[in-house]
């Protein structure tokens, strides 16, 4: 198929095809730190404008426990949590996490956070001067909306990748980690 096409633009590329099990393909994707897999049933055809179920898109997330140092108020108590890890004794901001919550988990987490409120920001690297390409920065203006916390609670977060500016891209709340001490949370090595 590739040999039949004469592409005139370097912007259009034909990807390789692999005939292997889903388990083996996902293991290779994780090992190479790739974003995910797009797969198609071999016997299916492309049907413009139709969703046939013959294609799948599977994103491979990474995970990390992180410390909650603040939140942004919102529906059911909180809109997002502000998380980081410890480096040389300082709490380092890495993300505002909005995804992964349902109303019940927002309420439950908010109840745990209410008793930890403190007046000043616990993160050593805030405020940031601007938002980056992925919009993950937390500027002084953004910080006016935040409620700061004593950094005692640990959460499990899934994400797509670490950005060049040491932030998480596409982060998602998974759950609380009552089995972890906040002071022991450091950045995991890839």
N, C-alpha and C. Protein backbone atom coordinates (compact mmCIF):
# COMPACT_ATOMS: atom_id res chain seq x y z
N UNK A 1 0.83 -1.19 0.00
CA UNK A 1 0.00 0.00 0.00
C UNK A 1 0.88 1.25 0.00
N UNK A 2 1.88 1.29 0.87
CA UNK A 2 2.75 2.44 0.97
C UNK A 2 3.43 2.75 -0.36
N UNK A 3 3.82 1.71 -1.10
CA UNK A 3 4.52 1.92 -2.36
C UNK A 3 3.61 2.46 -3.46
N UNK A 4 2.30 2.34 -3.31
CA UNK A 4 1.36 2.84 -4.33
C UNK A 4 1.15 4.35 -4.22
N UNK A 5 1.38 4.91 -3.02
CA UNK A 5 1.11 6.33 -2.80
C UNK A 5 2.35 7.16 -3.07
N UNK A 6 2.15 8.27 -3.77
CA UNK A 6 3.24 9.21 -4.02
C UNK A 6 2.87 10.51 -3.29
N UNK A 7 3.41 10.64 -2.08
CA UNK A 7 3.08 11.80 -1.26
C UNK A 7 4.01 12.94 -1.58
N UNK A 8 3.44 14.11 -1.81
CA UNK A 8 4.23 15.27 -2.19
C UNK A 8 4.52 16.20 -1.00
N UNK A 9 3.92 15.91 0.12
CA UNK A 9 4.11 16.78 1.28
C UNK A 9 4.79 16.00 2.40
N UNK A 10 5.80 16.60 3.04
CA UNK A 10 6.44 15.93 4.19
C UNK A 10 5.52 15.92 5.42
N UNK A 11 4.43 16.67 5.36
CA UNK A 11 3.51 16.74 6.49
C UNK A 11 2.60 15.51 6.57
N UNK A 12 2.45 14.81 5.47
CA UNK A 12 1.62 13.61 5.44
C UNK A 12 2.54 12.40 5.44
N UNK A 13 2.33 11.54 6.42
CA UNK A 13 3.15 10.33 6.52
C UNK A 13 2.25 9.12 6.72
N UNK A 14 2.67 8.02 6.20
CA UNK A 14 1.95 6.76 6.41
C UNK A 14 2.63 6.04 7.57
N UNK A 15 1.84 5.65 8.57
CA UNK A 15 2.44 4.97 9.72
C UNK A 15 2.60 3.48 9.43
N UNK A 16 3.50 2.90 10.20
CA UNK A 16 3.73 1.46 10.07
C UNK A 16 2.55 0.69 10.62
N UNK A 17 2.37 -0.51 10.15
CA UNK A 17 1.34 -1.41 10.65
C UNK A 17 2.02 -2.56 11.37
N UNK A 18 1.39 -3.01 12.46
CA UNK A 18 1.94 -4.12 13.23
C UNK A 18 0.84 -5.15 13.45
N UNK A 19 1.17 -6.38 13.21
CA UNK A 19 0.24 -7.47 13.49
C UNK A 19 0.76 -8.19 14.73
N UNK A 20 0.18 -7.81 15.88
CA UNK A 20 0.60 -8.38 17.16
C UNK A 20 -0.57 -8.33 18.13
N UNK A 21 -0.43 -8.95 19.26
CA UNK A 21 -1.50 -8.94 20.27
C UNK A 21 -1.57 -7.56 20.93
N UNK A 22 -2.74 -7.24 21.43
CA UNK A 22 -2.92 -5.96 22.13
C UNK A 22 -2.01 -5.89 23.35
N UNK A 23 -1.85 -7.00 24.06
CA UNK A 23 -1.00 -7.04 25.25
C UNK A 23 0.45 -6.69 24.91
N UNK A 24 0.97 -7.30 23.84
CA UNK A 24 2.35 -7.02 23.43
C UNK A 24 2.51 -5.59 22.95
N UNK A 25 1.52 -5.08 22.21
CA UNK A 25 1.60 -3.71 21.70
C UNK A 25 1.60 -2.71 22.85
N UNK A 26 0.71 -2.90 23.83
CA UNK A 26 0.66 -1.97 24.96
C UNK A 26 1.93 -2.03 25.80
N UNK A 27 2.51 -3.21 25.94
CA UNK A 27 3.77 -3.32 26.68
C UNK A 27 4.87 -2.53 25.98
N UNK A 28 4.92 -2.61 24.65
CA UNK A 28 5.93 -1.87 23.89
C UNK A 28 5.69 -0.36 23.99
N UNK A 29 4.44 0.06 23.96
CA UNK A 29 4.10 1.49 24.08
C UNK A 29 4.54 2.02 25.44
N UNK A 30 4.25 1.29 26.49
CA UNK A 30 4.66 1.71 27.85
C UNK A 30 6.18 1.76 27.98
N UNK A 31 6.85 0.76 27.45
CA UNK A 31 8.31 0.70 27.55
C UNK A 31 8.97 1.89 26.85
N UNK A 32 8.38 2.34 25.76
CA UNK A 32 8.96 3.45 24.99
C UNK A 32 8.38 4.81 25.39
N UNK A 33 7.53 4.83 26.44
CA UNK A 33 6.92 6.07 26.94
C UNK A 33 6.15 6.81 25.85
N UNK A 34 5.41 6.07 25.03
CA UNK A 34 4.58 6.67 23.99
C UNK A 34 3.21 7.00 24.56
N UNK A 35 2.43 7.82 23.84
CA UNK A 35 1.14 8.29 24.35
C UNK A 35 0.05 7.24 24.29
N UNK A 36 0.09 6.35 23.32
CA UNK A 36 -0.98 5.37 23.23
C UNK A 36 -0.97 4.65 21.90
N UNK A 37 -2.10 4.03 21.60
CA UNK A 37 -2.23 3.20 20.40
C UNK A 37 -3.55 3.51 19.71
N UNK A 38 -3.51 3.51 18.40
CA UNK A 38 -4.74 3.51 17.61
C UNK A 38 -4.75 2.19 16.87
N UNK A 39 -5.85 1.47 17.01
CA UNK A 39 -5.94 0.16 16.38
C UNK A 39 -7.21 0.03 15.56
N UNK A 40 -7.19 -0.91 14.60
CA UNK A 40 -8.33 -1.13 13.72
C UNK A 40 -8.42 -2.63 13.43
N UNK A 41 -9.64 -3.12 13.36
CA UNK A 41 -9.82 -4.51 12.94
C UNK A 41 -9.33 -4.65 11.51
N UNK A 42 -8.56 -5.67 11.24
CA UNK A 42 -7.96 -5.87 9.92
C UNK A 42 -8.98 -6.00 8.80
N UNK A 43 -10.11 -6.59 9.08
CA UNK A 43 -11.10 -6.83 8.03
C UNK A 43 -12.10 -5.68 7.86
N UNK A 44 -11.90 -4.56 8.57
CA UNK A 44 -12.85 -3.45 8.48
C UNK A 44 -12.40 -2.43 7.43
N UNK A 45 -13.34 -1.61 7.02
CA UNK A 45 -13.09 -0.56 6.03
C UNK A 45 -13.37 0.79 6.67
N UNK A 46 -12.74 1.82 6.13
CA UNK A 46 -13.03 3.19 6.58
C UNK A 46 -14.36 3.61 5.98
N UNK A 47 -15.26 4.08 6.80
CA UNK A 47 -16.56 4.53 6.34
C UNK A 47 -16.74 5.98 6.76
N UNK A 48 -16.57 6.93 5.83
CA UNK A 48 -16.64 8.35 6.18
C UNK A 48 -17.94 8.71 6.89
N UNK A 49 -17.79 9.45 8.00
CA UNK A 49 -18.95 9.94 8.74
C UNK A 49 -19.63 8.92 9.64
N UNK A 50 -19.10 7.70 9.72
CA UNK A 50 -19.72 6.66 10.54
C UNK A 50 -18.77 6.21 11.64
N UNK A 51 -19.34 5.90 12.79
CA UNK A 51 -18.58 5.31 13.89
C UNK A 51 -18.97 3.84 13.95
N UNK A 52 -18.08 3.00 13.50
CA UNK A 52 -18.40 1.58 13.38
C UNK A 52 -17.93 0.73 14.54
N UNK A 53 -17.05 1.21 15.35
CA UNK A 53 -16.50 0.41 16.43
C UNK A 53 -15.32 -0.45 15.99
N UNK A 54 -14.93 -0.31 14.73
CA UNK A 54 -13.80 -1.09 14.21
C UNK A 54 -12.46 -0.48 14.62
N UNK A 55 -12.46 0.78 15.02
CA UNK A 55 -11.24 1.48 15.43
C UNK A 55 -11.25 1.66 16.94
N UNK A 56 -10.08 1.65 17.56
CA UNK A 56 -9.97 1.98 18.98
C UNK A 56 -8.80 2.93 19.18
N UNK A 57 -8.97 3.80 20.14
CA UNK A 57 -7.90 4.71 20.54
C UNK A 57 -7.69 4.45 22.03
N UNK A 58 -6.47 4.10 22.41
CA UNK A 58 -6.17 3.74 23.79
C UNK A 58 -4.99 4.57 24.27
N UNK A 59 -5.26 5.47 25.21
CA UNK A 59 -4.21 6.31 25.79
C UNK A 59 -3.56 5.59 26.96
N UNK A 60 -2.25 5.65 27.04
CA UNK A 60 -1.50 5.01 28.11
C UNK A 60 -1.05 6.10 29.09
N UNK A 61 -1.59 6.03 30.29
CA UNK A 61 -1.26 7.02 31.30
C UNK A 61 -0.14 6.53 32.21
N UNK A 62 0.53 7.49 32.79
CA UNK A 62 1.52 7.21 33.82
C UNK A 62 0.90 7.60 35.15
N UNK A 63 1.50 7.19 36.25
CA UNK A 63 0.96 7.49 37.56
C UNK A 63 2.02 8.00 38.51
N UNK A 64 1.59 8.74 39.51
CA UNK A 64 2.50 9.33 40.51
C UNK A 64 1.67 9.73 41.71
N UNK A 65 2.19 9.45 42.91
CA UNK A 65 1.53 10.01 44.08
C UNK A 65 2.06 11.42 44.26
N UNK A 66 1.18 12.33 44.67
CA UNK A 66 1.53 13.74 44.85
C UNK A 66 0.85 14.26 46.11
N UNK A 67 1.31 15.40 46.58
CA UNK A 67 0.81 16.02 47.81
C UNK A 67 -0.12 17.18 47.45
N UNK A 68 -1.25 17.24 48.14
CA UNK A 68 -2.18 18.36 47.93
C UNK A 68 -1.71 19.54 48.77
N UNK A 69 -1.48 20.69 48.12
CA UNK A 69 -1.06 21.90 48.83
C UNK A 69 -2.09 23.02 48.74
N UNK A 70 -3.18 22.76 48.03
CA UNK A 70 -4.22 23.77 47.91
C UNK A 70 -5.34 23.27 47.02
N UNK A 71 -6.36 24.13 46.89
CA UNK A 71 -7.46 23.81 45.99
C UNK A 71 -8.10 25.11 45.52
N UNK A 72 -8.87 24.98 44.44
CA UNK A 72 -9.66 26.10 43.93
C UNK A 72 -11.11 25.76 44.26
N UNK A 73 -11.82 26.62 45.01
CA UNK A 73 -13.20 26.33 45.37
C UNK A 73 -14.09 26.21 44.13
N UNK A 74 -15.14 25.42 44.27
CA UNK A 74 -16.08 25.25 43.17
C UNK A 74 -17.27 24.42 43.60
N UNK A 75 -17.95 23.88 42.62
CA UNK A 75 -19.11 23.04 42.86
C UNK A 75 -18.72 21.86 43.74
N UNK A 76 -19.59 21.52 44.69
CA UNK A 76 -19.35 20.42 45.64
C UNK A 76 -18.10 20.67 46.48
N UNK A 77 -17.73 21.93 46.68
CA UNK A 77 -16.62 22.29 47.55
C UNK A 77 -15.34 22.67 46.83
N UNK A 78 -14.99 21.91 45.77
CA UNK A 78 -13.75 22.24 45.07
C UNK A 78 -13.89 22.03 43.57
N UNK A 79 -13.18 22.88 42.84
CA UNK A 79 -13.12 22.77 41.38
C UNK A 79 -11.91 21.94 40.97
N UNK A 80 -10.79 22.21 41.64
CA UNK A 80 -9.55 21.48 41.32
C UNK A 80 -8.65 21.46 42.55
N UNK A 81 -7.73 20.50 42.54
CA UNK A 81 -6.73 20.44 43.61
C UNK A 81 -5.39 20.86 43.04
N UNK A 82 -4.54 21.41 43.89
CA UNK A 82 -3.22 21.90 43.50
C UNK A 82 -2.21 20.97 44.16
N UNK A 83 -1.39 20.32 43.32
CA UNK A 83 -0.53 19.25 43.81
C UNK A 83 0.93 19.46 43.46
N UNK A 84 1.79 18.76 44.22
CA UNK A 84 3.22 18.83 43.98
C UNK A 84 3.95 17.69 44.67
N UNK A 85 5.27 17.76 44.61
CA UNK A 85 6.14 16.76 45.24
C UNK A 85 7.25 17.49 45.99
N UNK A 86 7.94 16.76 46.87
CA UNK A 86 9.03 17.36 47.63
C UNK A 86 10.36 17.18 46.92
N UNK A 87 11.13 18.27 46.91
CA UNK A 87 12.48 18.26 46.36
C UNK A 87 13.35 19.10 47.30
N UNK A 88 14.36 18.49 47.87
CA UNK A 88 15.26 19.18 48.80
C UNK A 88 14.50 19.90 49.91
N UNK A 89 13.44 19.28 50.40
CA UNK A 89 12.66 19.85 51.50
C UNK A 89 11.60 20.84 51.10
N UNK A 90 11.55 21.26 49.83
CA UNK A 90 10.55 22.21 49.34
C UNK A 90 9.44 21.50 48.60
N UNK A 91 8.21 21.98 48.76
CA UNK A 91 7.08 21.46 48.00
C UNK A 91 7.06 22.17 46.65
N UNK A 92 7.12 21.40 45.57
CA UNK A 92 7.20 21.93 44.21
C UNK A 92 5.87 21.72 43.50
N UNK A 93 5.26 22.80 43.04
CA UNK A 93 3.99 22.73 42.31
C UNK A 93 4.19 22.07 40.95
N UNK A 94 3.25 21.16 40.59
CA UNK A 94 3.31 20.53 39.27
C UNK A 94 1.99 20.53 38.51
N UNK A 95 0.84 20.72 39.19
CA UNK A 95 -0.42 20.68 38.44
C UNK A 95 -1.61 21.14 39.27
N UNK A 96 -2.59 21.65 38.53
CA UNK A 96 -3.95 21.81 39.05
C UNK A 96 -4.73 20.67 38.42
N UNK A 97 -5.37 19.87 39.22
CA UNK A 97 -6.06 18.67 38.72
C UNK A 97 -7.57 18.86 38.86
N UNK A 98 -8.27 18.84 37.72
CA UNK A 98 -9.73 18.97 37.70
C UNK A 98 -10.42 17.67 37.31
N UNK A 99 -9.76 16.85 36.52
CA UNK A 99 -10.39 15.65 35.97
C UNK A 99 -10.33 14.49 36.95
N UNK A 100 -11.25 13.54 36.75
CA UNK A 100 -11.26 12.32 37.55
C UNK A 100 -12.21 12.36 38.72
N UNK A 101 -12.84 13.49 38.97
CA UNK A 101 -13.77 13.62 40.09
C UNK A 101 -15.21 13.37 39.64
N UNK A 102 -15.99 12.85 40.55
CA UNK A 102 -17.45 12.83 40.43
C UNK A 102 -17.95 13.64 41.62
N UNK A 103 -19.22 14.07 41.62
CA UNK A 103 -19.69 14.90 42.74
C UNK A 103 -19.40 14.32 44.12
N UNK A 104 -19.58 13.02 44.29
CA UNK A 104 -19.34 12.41 45.62
C UNK A 104 -17.87 12.50 46.01
N UNK A 105 -16.95 12.25 45.07
CA UNK A 105 -15.52 12.31 45.44
C UNK A 105 -15.09 13.74 45.70
N UNK A 106 -15.68 14.72 45.01
CA UNK A 106 -15.38 16.13 45.30
C UNK A 106 -15.79 16.47 46.74
N UNK A 107 -17.02 16.08 47.10
CA UNK A 107 -17.52 16.37 48.45
C UNK A 107 -16.66 15.69 49.52
N UNK A 108 -16.33 14.42 49.31
CA UNK A 108 -15.55 13.67 50.30
C UNK A 108 -14.16 14.26 50.47
N UNK A 109 -13.51 14.60 49.37
CA UNK A 109 -12.18 15.19 49.46
C UNK A 109 -12.25 16.57 50.11
N UNK A 110 -13.24 17.36 49.75
CA UNK A 110 -13.41 18.69 50.33
C UNK A 110 -13.54 18.60 51.85
N UNK A 111 -14.28 17.62 52.34
CA UNK A 111 -14.43 17.44 53.79
C UNK A 111 -13.08 17.17 54.46
N UNK A 112 -12.22 16.42 53.81
CA UNK A 112 -10.89 16.13 54.36
C UNK A 112 -9.99 17.37 54.33
N UNK A 113 -10.19 18.24 53.33
CA UNK A 113 -9.32 19.41 53.15
C UNK A 113 -9.68 20.57 54.08
N UNK A 114 -10.92 20.69 54.45
CA UNK A 114 -11.39 21.86 55.22
C UNK A 114 -10.60 22.11 56.49
N UNK A 115 -10.15 21.07 57.17
CA UNK A 115 -9.43 21.25 58.44
C UNK A 115 -7.94 21.56 58.22
N UNK A 116 -7.46 21.54 56.98
CA UNK A 116 -6.04 21.76 56.70
C UNK A 116 -5.72 23.16 56.17
N UNK A 117 -6.70 24.06 56.14
CA UNK A 117 -6.51 25.40 55.56
C UNK A 117 -5.46 26.18 56.33
N UNK A 118 -4.60 26.85 55.58
CA UNK A 118 -3.57 27.72 56.15
C UNK A 118 -3.53 29.01 55.33
N UNK A 119 -2.99 30.08 55.88
CA UNK A 119 -3.04 31.38 55.19
C UNK A 119 -2.07 31.55 54.02
N UNK A 120 -0.93 30.86 54.03
CA UNK A 120 0.06 31.13 52.98
C UNK A 120 0.28 29.91 52.09
N UNK A 121 0.77 30.18 50.90
CA UNK A 121 1.03 29.15 49.89
C UNK A 121 2.20 28.26 50.34
N UNK A 122 2.04 26.93 50.30
CA UNK A 122 3.12 26.04 50.72
C UNK A 122 4.13 25.70 49.61
N UNK A 123 3.86 26.13 48.37
CA UNK A 123 4.73 25.76 47.24
C UNK A 123 5.88 26.74 47.09
N UNK A 124 7.08 26.20 46.96
CA UNK A 124 8.29 27.03 46.86
C UNK A 124 8.43 27.70 45.50
N UNK A 125 7.84 27.16 44.45
CA UNK A 125 8.02 27.68 43.10
C UNK A 125 6.82 28.47 42.57
N UNK A 126 5.99 29.00 43.49
CA UNK A 126 4.85 29.83 43.07
C UNK A 126 5.00 31.23 43.61
N UNK A 127 4.49 32.25 42.93
CA UNK A 127 3.75 32.17 41.66
C UNK A 127 4.69 32.03 40.46
N UNK A 128 4.11 31.52 39.38
CA UNK A 128 4.84 31.46 38.11
C UNK A 128 4.54 32.75 37.34
N UNK A 129 5.45 33.13 36.47
CA UNK A 129 5.28 34.41 35.78
C UNK A 129 4.31 34.36 34.62
N UNK A 130 4.12 33.19 34.03
CA UNK A 130 3.19 33.08 32.89
C UNK A 130 2.75 31.64 32.71
N UNK A 131 1.73 31.49 31.89
CA UNK A 131 1.27 30.15 31.53
C UNK A 131 2.12 29.63 30.40
N UNK A 132 2.35 28.35 30.40
CA UNK A 132 3.16 27.77 29.33
C UNK A 132 2.26 27.29 28.19
N UNK A 133 2.88 26.61 27.26
CA UNK A 133 2.18 26.11 26.07
C UNK A 133 0.93 25.31 26.43
N UNK A 134 0.99 24.49 27.48
CA UNK A 134 -0.13 23.65 27.85
C UNK A 134 -1.04 24.33 28.87
N UNK A 135 -0.76 25.55 29.26
CA UNK A 135 -1.63 26.29 30.16
C UNK A 135 -1.55 25.87 31.62
N UNK A 136 -0.48 25.17 32.00
CA UNK A 136 -0.43 24.63 33.35
C UNK A 136 0.15 25.58 34.38
N UNK A 137 0.60 26.74 34.01
CA UNK A 137 1.19 27.67 34.97
C UNK A 137 0.18 28.17 35.98
N UNK A 138 0.66 28.57 37.14
CA UNK A 138 -0.19 29.13 38.18
C UNK A 138 0.38 30.50 38.53
N UNK A 139 -0.22 31.54 37.96
CA UNK A 139 0.28 32.90 38.12
C UNK A 139 -0.24 33.53 39.41
N UNK A 140 0.29 34.69 39.75
CA UNK A 140 -0.15 35.42 40.95
C UNK A 140 -1.65 35.72 40.87
N UNK A 141 -2.13 36.05 39.67
CA UNK A 141 -3.57 36.32 39.47
C UNK A 141 -4.39 35.05 39.74
N UNK A 142 -3.93 33.91 39.23
CA UNK A 142 -4.61 32.63 39.47
C UNK A 142 -4.62 32.29 40.96
N UNK A 143 -3.53 32.62 41.65
CA UNK A 143 -3.39 32.25 43.05
C UNK A 143 -4.39 32.96 43.96
N UNK A 144 -4.95 34.08 43.51
CA UNK A 144 -5.95 34.80 44.31
C UNK A 144 -7.20 33.95 44.54
N UNK A 145 -7.45 32.98 43.67
CA UNK A 145 -8.63 32.11 43.78
C UNK A 145 -8.37 30.87 44.63
N UNK A 146 -7.12 30.65 45.01
CA UNK A 146 -6.74 29.40 45.69
C UNK A 146 -6.93 29.46 47.20
N UNK A 147 -7.21 28.31 47.76
CA UNK A 147 -7.23 28.11 49.21
C UNK A 147 -6.03 27.21 49.50
N UNK A 148 -5.14 27.68 50.38
CA UNK A 148 -3.90 26.94 50.66
C UNK A 148 -4.09 25.99 51.82
N UNK A 149 -3.31 24.90 51.81
CA UNK A 149 -3.47 23.84 52.80
C UNK A 149 -2.13 23.44 53.39
N UNK A 150 -2.18 22.91 54.62
CA UNK A 150 -1.02 22.23 55.17
C UNK A 150 -0.84 20.98 54.31
N UNK A 151 0.33 20.75 53.75
CA UNK A 151 0.52 19.64 52.81
C UNK A 151 0.66 18.28 53.52
N UNK A 152 -0.48 17.71 53.88
CA UNK A 152 -0.49 16.45 54.63
C UNK A 152 -1.13 15.30 53.87
N UNK A 153 -2.01 15.60 52.89
CA UNK A 153 -2.71 14.53 52.18
C UNK A 153 -2.01 14.18 50.87
N UNK A 154 -1.95 12.88 50.61
CA UNK A 154 -1.33 12.37 49.39
C UNK A 154 -2.43 11.79 48.50
N UNK A 155 -2.33 12.07 47.20
CA UNK A 155 -3.28 11.54 46.22
C UNK A 155 -2.53 10.81 45.12
N UNK A 156 -3.22 9.88 44.48
CA UNK A 156 -2.68 9.21 43.30
C UNK A 156 -3.23 9.96 42.09
N UNK A 157 -2.33 10.34 41.19
CA UNK A 157 -2.69 11.08 39.99
C UNK A 157 -2.20 10.30 38.78
N UNK A 158 -3.03 10.22 37.75
CA UNK A 158 -2.59 9.69 36.46
C UNK A 158 -2.42 10.87 35.52
N UNK A 159 -1.51 10.74 34.56
CA UNK A 159 -1.24 11.83 33.63
C UNK A 159 -0.63 11.26 32.36
N UNK A 160 -0.62 12.08 31.33
CA UNK A 160 -0.06 11.64 30.06
C UNK A 160 1.45 11.75 30.06
N UNK A 161 1.98 12.92 30.50
CA UNK A 161 3.43 13.10 30.50
C UNK A 161 3.84 14.27 31.36
N UNK A 162 5.15 14.33 31.66
CA UNK A 162 5.76 15.50 32.29
C UNK A 162 6.14 16.45 31.16
N UNK A 163 5.85 17.74 31.32
CA UNK A 163 6.25 18.72 30.31
C UNK A 163 7.69 19.17 30.56
N UNK A 164 8.23 19.93 29.63
CA UNK A 164 9.60 20.45 29.80
C UNK A 164 9.71 21.37 31.00
N UNK A 165 8.58 22.01 31.39
CA UNK A 165 8.61 22.92 32.54
C UNK A 165 8.24 22.21 33.85
N UNK A 166 8.37 20.87 33.89
CA UNK A 166 8.16 20.07 35.09
C UNK A 166 6.72 20.17 35.62
N UNK A 167 5.76 20.13 34.70
CA UNK A 167 4.35 20.10 35.06
C UNK A 167 3.73 18.84 34.45
N UNK A 168 2.55 18.51 34.93
CA UNK A 168 1.86 17.35 34.38
C UNK A 168 0.93 17.78 33.25
N UNK A 169 0.87 16.96 32.22
CA UNK A 169 -0.04 17.20 31.10
C UNK A 169 -1.16 16.16 31.18
N UNK A 170 -2.40 16.62 31.05
CA UNK A 170 -3.60 15.76 31.09
C UNK A 170 -3.66 14.96 32.38
N UNK A 171 -3.67 15.65 33.52
CA UNK A 171 -3.69 14.99 34.82
C UNK A 171 -5.12 14.62 35.23
N UNK A 172 -5.21 13.57 36.05
CA UNK A 172 -6.51 13.07 36.49
C UNK A 172 -6.40 12.48 37.89
N UNK A 173 -7.34 12.86 38.75
CA UNK A 173 -7.42 12.35 40.13
C UNK A 173 -7.84 10.88 40.09
N UNK A 174 -7.12 10.03 40.85
CA UNK A 174 -7.47 8.61 40.95
C UNK A 174 -8.03 8.32 42.34
N UNK A 175 -7.36 8.84 43.38
CA UNK A 175 -7.86 8.61 44.74
C UNK A 175 -6.86 9.05 45.79
N UNK A 176 -7.29 9.03 47.04
CA UNK A 176 -6.42 9.36 48.18
C UNK A 176 -5.50 8.19 48.48
N UNK A 177 -4.32 8.52 49.00
CA UNK A 177 -3.33 7.50 49.39
C UNK A 177 -3.06 7.68 50.88
N UNK A 178 -3.88 7.08 51.69
CA UNK A 178 -3.70 7.17 53.14
C UNK A 178 -2.50 6.37 53.63
N UNK A 179 -1.92 5.54 52.75
CA UNK A 179 -0.78 4.70 53.12
C UNK A 179 0.56 5.39 52.93
N UNK A 180 0.56 6.65 52.47
CA UNK A 180 1.81 7.36 52.16
C UNK A 180 1.98 8.58 53.05
N UNK A 181 3.23 8.82 53.45
CA UNK A 181 3.57 10.02 54.21
C UNK A 181 3.90 11.13 53.21
N UNK A 182 3.27 12.28 53.35
CA UNK A 182 3.45 13.39 52.40
C UNK A 182 4.91 13.79 52.23
N UNK A 183 5.68 13.82 53.30
CA UNK A 183 7.08 14.26 53.23
C UNK A 183 7.95 13.30 52.42
N UNK A 184 7.49 12.09 52.19
CA UNK A 184 8.25 11.11 51.42
C UNK A 184 7.92 11.10 49.93
N UNK A 185 7.04 12.01 49.49
CA UNK A 185 6.62 12.03 48.08
C UNK A 185 7.61 12.86 47.27
N UNK A 186 8.30 12.18 46.37
CA UNK A 186 9.26 12.83 45.47
C UNK A 186 8.89 12.48 44.03
N UNK A 187 9.49 13.16 43.09
CA UNK A 187 9.19 12.90 41.68
C UNK A 187 9.73 11.53 41.29
N UNK A 188 8.86 10.71 40.73
CA UNK A 188 9.27 9.37 40.29
C UNK A 188 10.11 9.51 39.02
N UNK A 189 11.06 8.66 38.87
CA UNK A 189 11.90 8.66 37.67
C UNK A 189 11.17 7.93 36.56
N UNK A 190 11.25 8.45 35.32
CA UNK A 190 10.54 7.81 34.21
C UNK A 190 11.07 6.43 33.89
